[in-house]
Amino acid sequence: MSSLFFPTKERDDLERSFIRQLIYSCGESVDAITISIESTFLLPYFLNVIQIEAAMIGNIFFIKQFWDGITDPLIGILSDRTRTRIGRKRPWILFSILPLFIFWSLLWFNPTFIKSIPSMIGYVSIVLFIYSLCKTLYLIPYQALFLDQATSTKQKSKLATYYSAAYVISFAVSTYIWASALDFFQSLGISEDYSYFINGLIFITIASIIEFIVGITCYELKDAPKPKSTETTLRNIKKSFKELFNLISFPPYILIILFIFFLQGSVQFNYNLTVLWSDYIVFIPSKNIILIEQIAKIFSVLIIGGTSYFIGNYKTLIIFLILHSFGLAYKFTLSSENELYTIYIALFINGLFSAVITVIPTSLLAESVNLFQLKYDYHVEGIAYSIRALSLKVGFAFAQLIVTYSLDITGYTPPDSTKSSSSSSSEVHQLNESTLFIIRFLSTFGIIIAYFIAAILITIYTLYVKYRCKDLTSISEQNQDDKSNYSDEEYNKNTNEEDEQSRLIEKHI
């Protein structure tokens, strides 16, 4: 039973344990469910249902990043220093379930009793900020456990493929069912705002169940470093800030963080504008576009995961970024005048290349954190993944800011929410040419520009690791060889001896 629930006492053979890797990977579904719906439907919800101005929405998302800039590293530091009977990260995962459920639900609740615009903006901001904190309580400890699940680069690439597959499948299913459910509820005569709220309750219930299962069954290594009993709180704080400073000044890590930032911005351009592009450019239901792209992305995860396993992360990344850029350039030319099958084929081909921004960064981030820990000899998984989460959120907000301000400047006006869905279809022809162009440009060439910058950053990273981190990479390979030579019994025996020595030292002090 102890090997099934809260498995910290025994070291599973993770290289051959498909079940353990599958359990861990399913945890990414929680992030996929929430981020897919946030990134695709939250902007239209704020614009068309709550009816907040586009520029103000961009300001809210941008300001939220200052809040996340405080909470994300703080949660990372605290989770690194948590010591409980069931592990370091698991208590945070389990604790986050209830508050995440509550504030996600409130995010999709339209308080019609609030009449003034400033009060509505205040409500939305407070709920969004607290929801972001609740999600951080889960996401950073969960993602920090990635390093406990595999050792070698190839094993991490393999796990990253499972992890990304869970993300992509959950993303595809969530976005399609959410859009379909909205249409279904509204066909029953339920108002648009209550349709969003009911959807929110259904999806967060599913996410909470997954979160609970992962929290009690995912693997966490027992051999985490223990704090010395003589260390004071002030000394711990100073040590944490020293670790944080060393981490953000470590070139391989910071290059990967910047790389992730630009990739996330490119992703957000696409997700933010999917609904607008489908409604105003090609006149196809957005749920159909989302479904086609995400089905293609499932195949993409398998193709890219297999390719990176054989030819390496860097070559795979550059090849697929170039292919996806050509596909996006063709997407720019699409309109309602094209045949329907031509649009669907183009979207499917684009989707086949798109998972490169999901699979590769996960493996590269784990590699950079491993190099840092070899150099400085202390564990910073929580801090490292908190900064990664912050870079994702900043990339998300920066893209939101560009999109919302661009729509505001070009004169975007939301459809009249008092009209029926059939009568509001005539509104699509009222967008001016400037707005239509910005929707086209940001959803295609905006992504290509972000890809170009990301390609430069990953090239610098690869060269730096190859020529400046030779010693660290050789140590990492040697450690992997040493671990592979241990049997489970030998590993447990050595670990128990080290624990006993630590207890004797602490008792003597």
Foldseek 3Di string as FASTA:
>chain_A
DCQFWLVAQFQDPLLPPPVQLLLLLLLLLLVLLVCLCCLFPVLVCVCFPLNDALLLVLVLLQVLLVLLVPLLLVLLLQLLQDDDPSHSLLVLLLVLLVQLLVLLLQLLARPPVDDDPVVSSVSNSVSVNSNVNSVSSNPLSSLLCLLVNDADLLSSLVSLLSNLLSSLVSNLVNLLVLLVQLVVCVVVVDANSVSSSVSSNVSSVVSSVSSVSSSTGHYDYNPADHDAPPDDPVNSVVVSVVVLVLQCVQQLLVLLLLLLLLLLLLVSLQSNLLCVCCLQFQVHHSSVLSNLLSVLLSLLSVVLSVVCSPPNLLVSLVVLLVQLLVLLVVVLPDGNVDDPVVNSVSSSSNSSSSCNSRSRSSSSNSVSQLLSCLVPVHHSSSSSSSSSVSSSSNSNSVSSNVLSVQCVVQPDHHFNSVDDPVVSSVVSVVRDPSNSNVSSCSNRVVSSVSSVVSSVSVVVSVVCCVPVVPVSVVVSVVVVVVVVPDDSVRVSVVSVVVVVVVVVVSVVD
